[in-house]
Amino acid sequence: MNAEARENKALSLEYWVKKLTQKDMPAFAHTARIIAGEASKDESSAGRLAKLILQDPSMTVRLLKMANSPFFNARQHSINTVSRAIVLLGFKTVQNLCLSISILDSIVEGPSKVNVMTGLADCFHAATQARSIAIKRNDKSPEEVFIAALLRQLGQFSFWTFSKKIDKKAAAEVDALLKTKNKQIPGEEKKLLSFTFDELTAALNKEWHISALLGNTLAANSDIDPRVSSINLAHEIARTSKKGWNSNEMKALIKRLAEALYMSTDKVRTMIQDNAQKATNILSKLGASSVGKLISSVENEKKASAAQANQHNKSASKIINLKNNSKKQLENTNSDNQGRFHLADSNLQIQILSDICQLIDESPDLSIMIEMVLEGIYRGVGMDRAIFALLAPDKRQIKTKYALGWDKNEMAQEFHFPINLQSNELFAKTMTTKQSHWINLDEQDPLSRLASPKLLAFNASNPFYISHVSVGNKPIGIIYADRKASNRSLDKTSYSSFKLFCQQANLGLMKISSSK
């Protein structure tokens, strides 16, 4: 391939989509597909979403912060688990929050520029406005409008975040071209590339199966579709707010929006100004307060002074290290100082146990209850892996039904064992005697000799906890937990907490069984 051919390939839309998907943003691409609703055949999409979130301690903590905020939780229900967040807030709302967190993390990991962060602030601002407008229009799914508005500039974000890694020459040329303009002109980049940023957004959206509404927004030539109109109006609000909330342009926009929503101009002004502040608060809770400060708000206008420009430059210099700053803000969470493993948290255990009891009293659901029990063991007790394994109908094998923790997919496939309930093997003994065990796997532990070679290979001879799961006198499975990944020791306190969560699982199963 000659130099010209290589250059043409590097400038093609297909090339960039492939590079961003396979090399530079694979985590976000994978997350986006799952969050968009791509569920496996044997799991509900809600269950898969919960497990995806729980693999990332940072995302878990920030999601729960958001779930307890007035913006998403107007009734202020206490939400301490991911599963309960999905139940109370709804699947679409949690999708919304997770995709917000995911794109933020993906973008700030790269060598981002200040204009990228400004654009990201604009999109969060616009997304918040769009959701509010959609609610006023009685939209069937305001969260879909939020996501489409948030990702309206996905192509531009992706290009500026990763362009130097993909094609340094193309990035430099496009940067130089746009710098010669007083402002970035939509589509100007096509003079050097074979595509526009909007076309890259559309291609990534299609490749990752994120949002049909985003595709409609990018393809629409008018605002006939009210959902597309909501998104376009929201982005116009975000852009116009930079000219001042009392500017002539903003006054004209407020008048148009008031006519569209059948509201007074005063109410519209109050609504969109409140939304701007809410967007700032959202970004702060997501660990991106530096980005939130770039949103134009009434409060910021009042603080405007000669020193504002210097303060802006200081904020801009910090944005490059936003990812590290976000992690520092999470040092007081229930993760260790590297955010890799959950530490035992007695307060969180109490909160989750309370949520489980409330769920059992309100609407006992087997899958949600088991997921909450495993989340309590994983996050609250501080285990690296937690598994609920179900006894097959023929009672000859036991296989993973739900799993949380490190190497979740591999773990779920490997935790599959033959069983004979009449034998003295560890799993059989645990279920038939309806007990819990702390297996130390040393010579002084008689129960260790009952563990099968396959189980010892599964946990690399690390200590573990195990407990029966039964409905009355009928054994149905086991709950297993270990700290293999971190190689941390087990202790009596953790074991007691583990047993308490398993007891709740059995009580819940009894309630579910009696209610049928």
Protein backbone atom coordinates (compact mmCIF):
# COMPACT_ATOMS: atom_id res chain seq x y z
CA MET A 1 0.00 0.00 0.00
CA ASN A 2 1.56 3.34 -1.04
CA ALA A 3 1.69 6.48 1.13
CA GLU A 4 -1.32 8.10 -0.56
CA ALA A 5 -3.44 4.98 -0.09
CA ARG A 6 -2.47 4.74 3.55
CA GLU A 7 -3.34 8.40 4.05
CA ASN A 8 -6.75 8.01 2.37
CA LYS A 9 -7.46 5.00 4.56
CA ALA A 10 -6.48 6.91 7.70
CA LEU A 11 -8.87 9.70 6.77
CA SER A 12 -11.85 7.45 6.04
CA LEU A 13 -14.88 7.30 8.31
CA GLU A 14 -14.77 3.49 8.47
CA TYR A 15 -11.15 3.58 9.61
CA TRP A 16 -11.89 5.93 12.51
CA VAL A 17 -14.95 4.01 13.64
CA LYS A 18 -12.95 0.77 13.65
CA LYS A 19 -10.02 2.29 15.57
CA LEU A 20 -12.24 3.94 18.17
CA THR A 21 -14.26 0.76 18.68
CA GLN A 22 -11.44 -1.78 18.80
CA LYS A 23 -8.51 0.11 20.25
CA ASP A 24 -9.23 3.38 21.94
CA MET A 25 -12.77 3.28 23.31
CA PRO A 26 -13.58 -0.45 23.55
CA ALA A 27 -14.71 -0.21 27.17
CA PHE A 28 -17.20 2.52 26.37
CA ALA A 29 -18.34 0.78 23.19
CA HIS A 30 -18.97 -2.43 25.15
CA THR A 31 -20.70 -0.57 27.97
CA ALA A 32 -22.84 1.37 25.53
CA ARG A 33 -24.06 -1.81 23.85
CA ILE A 34 -25.06 -3.41 27.14
CA ILE A 35 -26.61 -0.26 28.55
CA ALA A 36 -28.56 0.11 25.31
CA GLY A 37 -30.39 -3.08 26.28
CA GLU A 38 -28.40 -5.90 24.69
CA ALA A 39 -29.19 -8.61 27.22
CA SER A 40 -28.19 -12.24 27.18
CA LYS A 41 -30.85 -14.90 26.61
CA ASP A 42 -30.85 -16.21 30.15
CA GLU A 43 -30.74 -12.92 32.06
CA SER A 44 -32.99 -9.90 32.28
CA SER A 45 -31.50 -6.71 30.90
CA ALA A 46 -31.97 -5.15 34.36
CA GLY A 47 -29.94 -7.92 35.98
CA ARG A 48 -27.18 -7.62 33.44
CA LEU A 49 -27.05 -3.86 33.85
CA ALA A 50 -26.76 -4.21 37.63
CA LYS A 51 -23.87 -6.65 37.29
CA LEU A 52 -22.11 -4.41 34.78
CA ILE A 53 -22.30 -1.48 37.19
CA LEU A 54 -21.10 -3.47 40.18
CA GLN A 55 -17.89 -4.49 38.43
CA ASP A 56 -16.79 -0.84 38.65
CA PRO A 57 -16.63 0.47 42.25
CA SER A 58 -16.27 4.06 41.01
CA MET A 59 -19.38 3.80 38.83
CA THR A 60 -21.31 2.11 41.64
CA VAL A 61 -20.55 4.88 44.11
CA ARG A 62 -21.32 7.70 41.69
CA LEU A 63 -24.51 6.02 40.48
CA LEU A 64 -25.81 5.70 44.05
CA LYS A 65 -24.92 9.33 44.75
CA MET A 66 -26.95 10.36 41.73
CA ALA A 67 -29.78 7.97 42.58
CA ASN A 68 -30.16 9.69 45.95
CA SER A 69 -30.11 13.20 44.49
CA PRO A 70 -33.35 15.25 44.26
CA PHE A 71 -32.99 15.56 40.49
CA PHE A 72 -33.52 11.83 39.89
CA ASN A 73 -35.12 10.86 43.22
CA ALA A 74 -37.72 13.52 43.94
CA ARG A 75 -39.40 11.43 46.67
CA GLN A 76 -36.02 10.97 48.39
CA HIS A 77 -36.31 7.21 48.90
CA SER A 78 -33.13 5.86 50.46
CA ILE A 79 -31.28 3.85 47.78
CA ASN A 80 -28.28 1.81 48.91
CA THR A 81 -28.01 -0.89 46.25
CA VAL A 82 -27.83 -0.90 42.48
CA SER A 83 -30.71 -3.36 42.25
CA ARG A 84 -32.97 -1.09 44.31
CA ALA A 85 -31.93 1.88 42.19
CA ILE A 86 -33.22 0.05 39.12
CA VAL A 87 -36.46 -0.89 40.91
CA LEU A 88 -37.22 2.60 42.25
CA LEU A 89 -35.83 4.85 39.53
CA GLY A 90 -36.52 2.60 36.58
CA PHE A 91 -34.28 0.87 34.09
CA LYS A 92 -34.17 3.83 31.69
CA THR A 93 -33.07 6.30 34.37
CA VAL A 94 -30.23 4.04 35.51
CA GLN A 95 -29.23 3.57 31.86
CA ASN A 96 -29.11 7.33 31.61
CA LEU A 97 -26.85 7.72 34.63
CA CYS A 98 -24.46 4.91 33.73
CA LEU A 99 -23.97 6.04 30.16
CA SER A 100 -23.28 9.55 31.48
CA ILE A 101 -20.61 8.19 33.81
CA SER A 102 -19.17 5.93 31.13
CA ILE A 103 -18.74 8.62 28.48
CA LEU A 104 -17.25 10.99 31.04
CA ASP A 105 -14.65 8.41 32.07
CA SER A 106 -13.83 7.50 28.47
CA ILE A 107 -13.27 11.10 27.43
CA VAL A 108 -11.23 12.27 30.39
CA GLU A 109 -8.84 9.33 30.06
CA GLY A 110 -7.41 10.75 26.84
CA PRO A 111 -5.24 13.83 26.29
CA SER A 112 -8.35 16.03 26.21
CA LYS A 113 -8.30 19.68 25.30
CA VAL A 114 -10.12 22.49 27.02
CA ASN A 115 -12.54 22.91 24.10
CA VAL A 116 -13.51 19.23 24.46
CA MET A 117 -14.35 19.77 28.12
CA THR A 118 -16.32 22.88 27.22
CA GLY A 119 -18.25 20.88 24.64
CA LEU A 120 -18.87 18.13 27.20
CA ALA A 121 -20.22 20.72 29.65
CA ASP A 122 -22.50 22.05 26.91
CA CYS A 123 -23.84 18.57 26.19
CA PHE A 124 -24.57 17.80 29.85
CA HIS A 125 -26.26 21.18 30.08
CA ALA A 126 -28.27 20.48 26.92
CA ALA A 127 -29.17 16.96 28.08
CA THR A 128 -30.55 18.32 31.34
CA GLN A 129 -32.56 20.95 29.48
CA ALA A 130 -33.79 18.37 26.95
CA ARG A 131 -35.04 16.04 29.66
CA SER A 132 -36.95 18.87 31.30
CA ILE A 133 -38.49 19.99 28.00
CA ALA A 134 -39.45 16.39 27.19
CA ILE A 135 -41.20 16.04 30.56
CA LYS A 136 -43.17 19.23 29.89
CA ARG A 137 -44.21 17.72 26.55
CA ASN A 138 -45.31 14.48 28.24
CA ASP A 139 -42.71 12.53 26.32
CA LYS A 140 -42.98 8.75 26.64
CA SER A 141 -39.31 8.44 27.66
CA PRO A 142 -37.51 11.62 28.77
CA GLU A 143 -34.41 9.51 29.48
CA GLU A 144 -34.03 8.65 25.79
CA VAL A 145 -34.14 12.37 25.02
CA PHE A 146 -31.49 12.97 27.69
CA ILE A 147 -29.14 10.37 26.17
CA ALA A 148 -29.59 11.61 22.60
CA ALA A 149 -28.87 15.19 23.69
CA LEU A 150 -25.89 14.10 25.78
CA LEU A 151 -24.28 12.19 22.89
CA ARG A 152 -25.09 14.76 20.21
CA GLN A 153 -21.37 15.58 19.89
CA LEU A 154 -19.98 12.08 20.52
CA GLY A 155 -18.00 12.12 17.25
CA GLN A 156 -16.33 15.42 18.09
CA PHE A 157 -15.47 14.27 21.64
CA SER A 158 -14.05 11.00 20.38
CA PHE A 159 -11.99 12.68 17.67
CA TRP A 160 -10.35 15.25 19.92
CA THR A 161 -9.79 12.82 22.76
CA PHE A 162 -8.12 10.07 20.74
CA SER A 163 -7.09 11.65 17.42
CA LYS A 164 -3.42 12.04 18.35
CA LYS A 165 -3.21 8.34 19.16
CA ILE A 166 -4.92 7.32 15.92
CA ASP A 167 -3.47 9.80 13.43
CA LYS A 168 -1.31 12.62 14.82
CA LYS A 169 -0.93 14.30 11.43
CA ALA A 170 -4.67 14.42 10.71
CA ALA A 171 -5.36 15.73 14.21
CA ALA A 172 -2.80 18.52 13.87
CA GLU A 173 -4.12 19.58 10.47
CA VAL A 174 -7.74 19.69 11.60
CA ASP A 175 -6.75 21.56 14.75
CA ALA A 176 -4.80 24.13 12.74
CA LEU A 177 -7.70 24.57 10.29
CA LEU A 178 -10.24 25.23 13.01
CA LYS A 179 -7.93 27.58 14.88
CA THR A 180 -7.79 29.84 11.85
CA LYS A 181 -11.52 30.46 12.29
CA ASN A 182 -12.97 32.77 14.89
CA LYS A 183 -15.16 29.86 15.94
CA GLN A 184 -15.61 26.26 14.95
CA ILE A 185 -17.85 26.04 11.92
CA PRO A 186 -19.96 22.85 11.66
CA GLY A 187 -18.63 20.64 8.89
CA GLU A 188 -15.43 22.65 8.40
CA GLU A 189 -13.36 19.61 9.34
CA LYS A 190 -14.47 17.86 6.14
CA LYS A 191 -12.02 20.00 4.21
CA LEU A 192 -9.31 17.71 5.56
CA LEU A 193 -11.16 14.57 6.57
CA SER A 194 -13.54 12.56 4.45
CA PHE A 195 -16.29 13.05 7.04
CA THR A 196 -17.80 15.58 9.43
CA PHE A 197 -17.98 15.19 13.19
CA ASP A 198 -21.73 14.70 12.89
CA GLU A 199 -21.15 11.86 10.44
CA LEU A 200 -18.70 10.29 12.88
CA THR A 201 -21.29 10.62 15.65
CA ALA A 202 -23.88 8.91 13.45
CA ALA A 203 -21.48 6.11 12.53
CA LEU A 204 -20.45 5.46 16.14
CA ASN A 205 -24.06 5.57 17.25
CA LYS A 206 -24.97 2.97 14.63
CA GLU A 207 -21.95 0.78 15.37
CA TRP A 208 -22.55 0.79 19.13
CA HIS A 209 -26.37 0.58 18.94
CA ILE A 210 -26.83 3.41 21.40
CA SER A 211 -29.84 5.54 20.47
CA ALA A 212 -32.33 5.44 17.61
CA LEU A 213 -33.42 8.93 18.62
CA LEU A 214 -29.87 10.24 18.25
CA GLY A 215 -29.82 8.80 14.73
CA ASN A 216 -33.11 10.55 13.96
CA THR A 217 -31.78 13.82 15.35
CA LEU A 218 -28.68 13.70 13.18
CA ALA A 219 -30.69 12.76 10.09
CA ALA A 220 -33.58 15.18 10.56
CA ASN A 221 -33.80 18.26 8.38
CA SER A 222 -36.49 19.91 10.51
CA ASP A 223 -38.02 19.99 13.97
CA ILE A 224 -41.29 18.33 12.95
CA ASP A 225 -40.55 15.51 15.40
CA PRO A 226 -41.13 17.05 18.87
CA ARG A 227 -38.41 14.85 20.39
CA VAL A 228 -35.86 16.08 17.88
CA SER A 229 -37.14 19.60 18.50
CA SER A 230 -36.58 19.17 22.25
CA ILE A 231 -32.97 18.15 21.66
CA ASN A 232 -32.25 20.99 19.23
CA LEU A 233 -33.86 23.56 21.52
CA ALA A 234 -31.83 22.25 24.45
CA HIS A 235 -28.55 22.59 22.59
CA GLU A 236 -29.56 26.07 21.49
CA ILE A 237 -30.17 26.98 25.14
CA ALA A 238 -26.72 25.69 26.12
CA ARG A 239 -25.04 27.69 23.33
CA THR A 240 -27.05 30.86 23.88
CA SER A 241 -26.52 30.87 27.64
CA LYS A 242 -22.87 31.70 27.01
CA LYS A 243 -23.99 35.06 25.62
CA GLY A 244 -25.72 35.85 28.89
CA TRP A 245 -29.05 34.95 30.42
CA ASN A 246 -30.25 38.51 29.81
CA SER A 247 -28.95 38.77 26.26
CA ASN A 248 -31.32 39.60 23.41
CA GLU A 249 -30.63 36.19 21.88
CA MET A 250 -31.67 34.44 25.11
CA LYS A 251 -34.81 36.57 25.44
CA ALA A 252 -35.84 35.61 21.91
CA LEU A 253 -35.15 31.93 22.59
CA ILE A 254 -37.16 31.99 25.81
CA LYS A 255 -40.08 33.50 23.92
CA ARG A 256 -39.93 30.69 21.32
CA LEU A 257 -39.70 28.03 23.98
CA ALA A 258 -42.61 29.54 25.93
CA GLU A 259 -44.78 29.35 22.81
CA ALA A 260 -43.74 25.75 22.16
CA LEU A 261 -44.47 24.63 25.74
CA TYR A 262 -47.55 26.85 26.31
CA MET A 263 -45.89 28.43 29.33
CA SER A 264 -45.23 31.99 30.40
CA THR A 265 -41.83 33.45 29.61
CA ASP A 266 -41.16 33.97 33.33
CA LYS A 267 -41.76 30.29 34.08
CA VAL A 268 -39.63 29.21 31.15
CA ARG A 269 -36.79 31.49 32.25
CA THR A 270 -36.92 30.09 35.78
CA MET A 271 -37.06 26.50 34.48
CA ILE A 272 -34.05 26.72 32.19
CA GLN A 273 -31.97 28.66 34.71
CA ASP A 274 -32.72 26.01 37.34
CA ASN A 275 -31.79 23.32 34.81
CA ALA A 276 -28.41 24.94 34.22
CA GLN A 277 -27.67 24.75 37.94
CA LYS A 278 -28.92 21.15 38.07
CA ALA A 279 -26.53 20.22 35.25
CA THR A 280 -23.66 21.67 37.27
CA ASN A 281 -24.76 19.65 40.29
CA ILE A 282 -25.04 16.46 38.23
CA LEU A 283 -21.47 16.79 36.98
CA SER A 284 -20.24 17.49 40.50
CA LYS A 285 -21.85 14.26 41.75
CA LEU A 286 -20.33 12.39 38.81
CA GLY A 287 -16.90 13.51 40.01
CA ALA A 288 -16.49 16.15 37.29
CA SER A 289 -17.03 19.42 39.12
CA SER A 290 -14.39 21.11 36.95
CA VAL A 291 -16.51 20.40 33.87
CA GLY A 292 -19.64 21.60 35.68
CA LYS A 293 -18.01 24.96 36.36
CA LEU A 294 -17.85 25.53 32.60
CA ILE A 295 -21.65 25.62 32.34
CA SER A 296 -23.08 29.13 32.09
CA SER A 297 -25.41 29.80 34.99
CA VAL A 298 -26.98 32.80 36.66
CA GLU A 299 -24.84 32.19 39.70
CA ASN A 300 -21.68 32.28 37.62
CA GLU A 301 -22.80 35.48 35.91
CA LYS A 302 -23.19 37.19 39.28
CA LYS A 303 -19.64 36.18 40.17
CA ALA A 304 -18.22 37.46 36.90
CA SER A 305 -15.28 39.80 37.42
CA ALA A 306 -11.89 40.67 36.02
CA ALA A 307 -10.43 37.68 37.87
CA GLN A 308 -12.87 35.29 36.19
CA ALA A 309 -10.64 34.77 33.16
CA ASN A 310 -7.69 33.79 35.36
CA GLN A 311 -9.88 31.46 37.36
CA HIS A 312 -11.10 29.86 34.14
CA ASN A 313 -7.52 29.21 33.07
CA LYS A 314 -6.78 27.58 36.39
CA SER A 315 -9.82 25.36 36.05
CA ALA A 316 -8.82 24.47 32.50
CA SER A 317 -5.36 23.36 33.61
CA LYS A 318 -6.94 21.03 36.15
CA ILE A 319 -9.29 19.45 33.64
CA ILE A 320 -6.47 17.43 32.07
CA ASN A 321 -6.14 15.56 35.36
CA LEU A 322 -9.89 15.21 35.86
CA LYS A 323 -9.77 11.43 36.01
CA ASN A 324 -7.27 11.47 38.87
CA ASN A 325 -9.22 14.17 40.69
CA SER A 326 -12.38 12.08 40.43
CA LYS A 327 -10.61 9.11 41.98
CA LYS A 328 -9.36 11.29 44.86
CA GLN A 329 -12.92 12.33 45.58
CA LEU A 330 -13.77 8.66 46.05
CA GLU A 331 -11.09 7.93 48.67
CA ASN A 332 -13.68 7.95 51.43
CA THR A 333 -15.88 5.37 49.74
CA ASN A 334 -16.03 1.68 50.56
CA SER A 335 -13.27 0.86 48.05
CA ASP A 336 -9.59 0.65 48.92
CA ASN A 337 -7.15 3.39 47.98
CA GLN A 338 -6.76 2.02 44.48
CA GLY A 339 -10.50 1.54 43.95
CA ARG A 340 -9.87 -2.10 43.12
CA PHE A 341 -11.48 -4.03 45.97
CA HIS A 342 -14.43 -3.38 48.22
CA LEU A 343 -13.67 -3.14 51.93
CA ALA A 344 -16.09 -4.31 54.58
CA ASP A 345 -18.57 -1.54 55.46
CA SER A 346 -20.88 -2.25 58.42
CA ASN A 347 -23.06 0.79 57.75
CA LEU A 348 -23.59 -0.27 54.16
CA GLN A 349 -24.43 -3.80 55.34
CA ILE A 350 -27.16 -2.41 57.59
CA GLN A 351 -28.55 -0.28 54.78
CA ILE A 352 -28.64 -3.13 52.29
CA LEU A 353 -30.16 -5.54 54.82
CA SER A 354 -32.83 -2.93 55.49
CA ASP A 355 -33.50 -2.63 51.76
CA ILE A 356 -33.79 -6.43 51.45
CA CYS A 357 -36.29 -6.56 54.32
CA GLN A 358 -38.31 -3.76 52.72
CA LEU A 359 -38.28 -5.55 49.37
CA ILE A 360 -39.45 -8.78 50.96
CA ASP A 361 -42.31 -6.97 52.72
CA GLU A 362 -43.34 -4.94 49.66
CA SER A 363 -42.96 -7.14 46.60
CA PRO A 364 -40.83 -10.26 46.96
CA ASP A 365 -39.05 -10.98 43.70
CA LEU A 366 -36.56 -13.84 43.63
CA SER A 367 -34.08 -12.43 41.11
CA ILE A 368 -33.99 -8.93 42.62
CA MET A 369 -33.69 -10.26 46.16
CA ILE A 370 -30.81 -12.62 45.30
CA GLU A 371 -29.02 -9.83 43.42
CA MET A 372 -29.36 -7.57 46.47
CA VAL A 373 -28.04 -10.33 48.75
CA LEU A 374 -25.01 -10.84 46.51
CA GLU A 375 -24.46 -7.09 46.31
CA GLY A 376 -24.52 -6.94 50.11
CA ILE A 377 -21.91 -9.70 50.30
CA TYR A 378 -19.81 -8.20 47.50
CA ARG A 379 -19.89 -4.53 48.50
CA GLY A 380 -20.92 -4.62 52.15
CA VAL A 381 -18.97 -7.62 53.45
CA GLY A 382 -16.12 -6.78 51.10
CA MET A 383 -15.72 -10.02 49.16
CA ASP A 384 -14.01 -10.24 45.77
CA ARG A 385 -16.48 -12.78 44.35
CA ALA A 386 -20.02 -13.78 45.29
CA ILE A 387 -22.06 -16.52 43.61
CA PHE A 388 -25.56 -17.94 43.87
CA ALA A 389 -25.50 -21.43 42.35
CA LEU A 390 -28.75 -23.26 41.66
CA LEU A 391 -29.39 -26.98 41.98
CA ALA A 392 -30.54 -28.44 38.65
CA PRO A 393 -34.02 -30.01 38.45
CA ASP A 394 -32.45 -33.49 38.18
CA LYS A 395 -30.42 -32.73 41.34
CA ARG A 396 -27.25 -34.00 39.66
CA GLN A 397 -25.45 -30.72 39.11
CA ILE A 398 -25.15 -27.25 40.57
CA LYS A 399 -24.51 -24.25 38.35
CA THR A 400 -24.09 -20.47 38.65
CA LYS A 401 -27.31 -18.49 38.38
CA TYR A 402 -26.01 -15.08 39.51
CA ALA A 403 -22.45 -13.90 40.04
CA LEU A 404 -20.71 -10.68 41.06
CA GLY A 405 -17.05 -9.83 41.27
CA TRP A 406 -13.75 -10.25 39.53
CA ASP A 407 -13.63 -12.34 36.37
CA LYS A 408 -17.42 -12.61 36.55
CA ASN A 409 -17.93 -14.19 33.13
CA GLU A 410 -15.20 -16.80 33.56
CA MET A 411 -16.31 -17.44 37.12
CA ALA A 412 -19.91 -18.07 36.06
CA GLN A 413 -18.78 -20.61 33.46
CA GLU A 414 -16.37 -22.42 35.79
CA PHE A 415 -18.66 -22.67 38.82
CA HIS A 416 -20.50 -25.71 37.51
CA PHE A 417 -20.17 -28.94 39.48
CA PRO A 418 -21.70 -32.43 39.50
CA ILE A 419 -23.41 -33.22 42.80
CA ASN A 420 -24.88 -36.16 44.68
CA LEU A 421 -27.02 -35.08 47.62
CA GLN A 422 -26.56 -38.51 49.23
CA SER A 423 -22.77 -38.10 49.35
CA ASN A 424 -20.54 -36.46 51.93
CA GLU A 425 -19.13 -33.96 49.42
CA LEU A 426 -18.97 -30.34 50.66
CA PHE A 427 -21.79 -28.90 48.57
CA ALA A 428 -24.09 -31.84 49.34
CA LYS A 429 -23.32 -31.68 53.06
CA THR A 430 -23.90 -27.94 53.15
CA MET A 431 -27.32 -28.21 51.51
CA THR A 432 -28.63 -31.31 53.24
CA THR A 433 -27.59 -30.13 56.72
CA LYS A 434 -28.74 -26.55 55.99
CA GLN A 435 -25.55 -25.00 57.35
CA SER A 436 -22.97 -22.35 56.58
CA HIS A 437 -19.22 -23.00 56.58
CA TRP A 438 -15.96 -21.09 56.63
CA ILE A 439 -13.54 -23.33 54.73
CA ASN A 440 -9.92 -22.57 55.59
CA LEU A 441 -8.43 -25.28 53.36
CA ASP A 442 -5.74 -26.25 55.84
CA GLU A 443 -4.90 -29.60 57.40
CA GLN A 444 -6.66 -28.73 60.66
CA ASP A 445 -9.96 -28.06 58.88
CA PRO A 446 -11.82 -31.39 58.47
CA LEU A 447 -14.32 -29.85 56.04
CA SER A 448 -11.49 -29.00 53.64
CA ARG A 449 -11.16 -32.70 52.82
CA LEU A 450 -14.74 -32.65 51.52
CA ALA A 451 -13.97 -30.06 48.84
CA SER A 452 -13.68 -31.54 45.35
CA PRO A 453 -10.47 -31.11 43.29
CA LYS A 454 -12.46 -29.04 40.80
CA LEU A 455 -13.54 -26.63 43.55
CA LEU A 456 -9.95 -26.34 44.82
CA ALA A 457 -8.83 -25.54 41.30
CA PHE A 458 -11.60 -22.93 40.97
CA ASN A 459 -10.48 -20.94 44.00
CA ALA A 460 -6.77 -21.79 43.81
CA SER A 461 -6.98 -23.22 47.33
CA ASN A 462 -8.00 -19.89 48.86
CA PRO A 463 -10.32 -19.86 51.91
CA PHE A 464 -13.99 -19.23 51.22
CA TYR A 465 -17.46 -18.99 52.74
CA ILE A 466 -20.35 -21.19 51.71
CA SER A 467 -23.98 -21.44 52.81
CA HIS A 468 -27.11 -23.38 51.91
CA VAL A 469 -30.10 -21.83 50.16
CA SER A 470 -33.34 -23.61 50.94
CA VAL A 471 -37.10 -23.28 50.78
CA GLY A 472 -38.25 -24.95 53.99
CA ASN A 473 -36.67 -28.39 53.96
CA LYS A 474 -36.04 -28.32 50.22
CA PRO A 475 -32.44 -27.41 49.24
CA ILE A 476 -32.25 -25.36 46.05
CA GLY A 477 -28.66 -24.14 45.92
CA ILE A 478 -25.71 -22.51 47.65
CA ILE A 479 -24.15 -19.07 48.11
CA TYR A 480 -20.37 -18.94 47.77
CA ALA A 481 -17.92 -16.05 48.40
CA ASP A 482 -14.14 -15.63 48.48
CA ARG A 483 -11.32 -13.07 48.28
CA LYS A 484 -9.20 -14.89 45.73
CA ALA A 485 -8.43 -11.83 43.57
CA SER A 486 -7.04 -9.67 46.37
CA ASN A 487 -5.65 -12.55 48.43
CA ARG A 488 -6.98 -10.83 51.56
CA SER A 489 -7.64 -12.94 54.63
CA LEU A 490 -11.09 -13.85 55.91
CA ASP A 491 -12.19 -13.06 59.44
CA LYS A 492 -14.93 -13.83 61.97
CA THR A 493 -16.70 -10.52 61.49
CA SER A 494 -16.97 -10.99 57.74
CA TYR A 495 -18.15 -14.55 58.21
CA SER A 496 -20.90 -13.43 60.59
CA SER A 497 -21.99 -10.80 58.08
CA PHE A 498 -21.93 -13.34 55.25
CA LYS A 499 -24.18 -15.68 57.24
CA LEU A 500 -26.60 -12.85 58.01
CA PHE A 501 -27.07 -12.07 54.32
CA CYS A 502 -27.58 -15.77 53.57
CA GLN A 503 -30.21 -15.96 56.31
CA GLN A 504 -32.03 -13.06 54.68
CA ALA A 505 -31.96 -14.92 51.37
CA ASN A 506 -33.56 -17.96 52.98
CA LEU A 507 -36.18 -15.86 54.78
CA GLY A 508 -37.00 -14.13 51.51
CA LEU A 509 -37.35 -17.42 49.69
CA MET A 510 -39.71 -18.66 52.38
CA LYS A 511 -41.84 -15.52 51.97
CA ILE A 512 -41.87 -15.88 48.18
CA SER A 513 -42.81 -19.56 48.45
CA SER A 514 -45.66 -18.86 50.88
CA SER A 515 -47.05 -16.04 48.75
CA LYS A 516 -47.54 -18.29 45.70
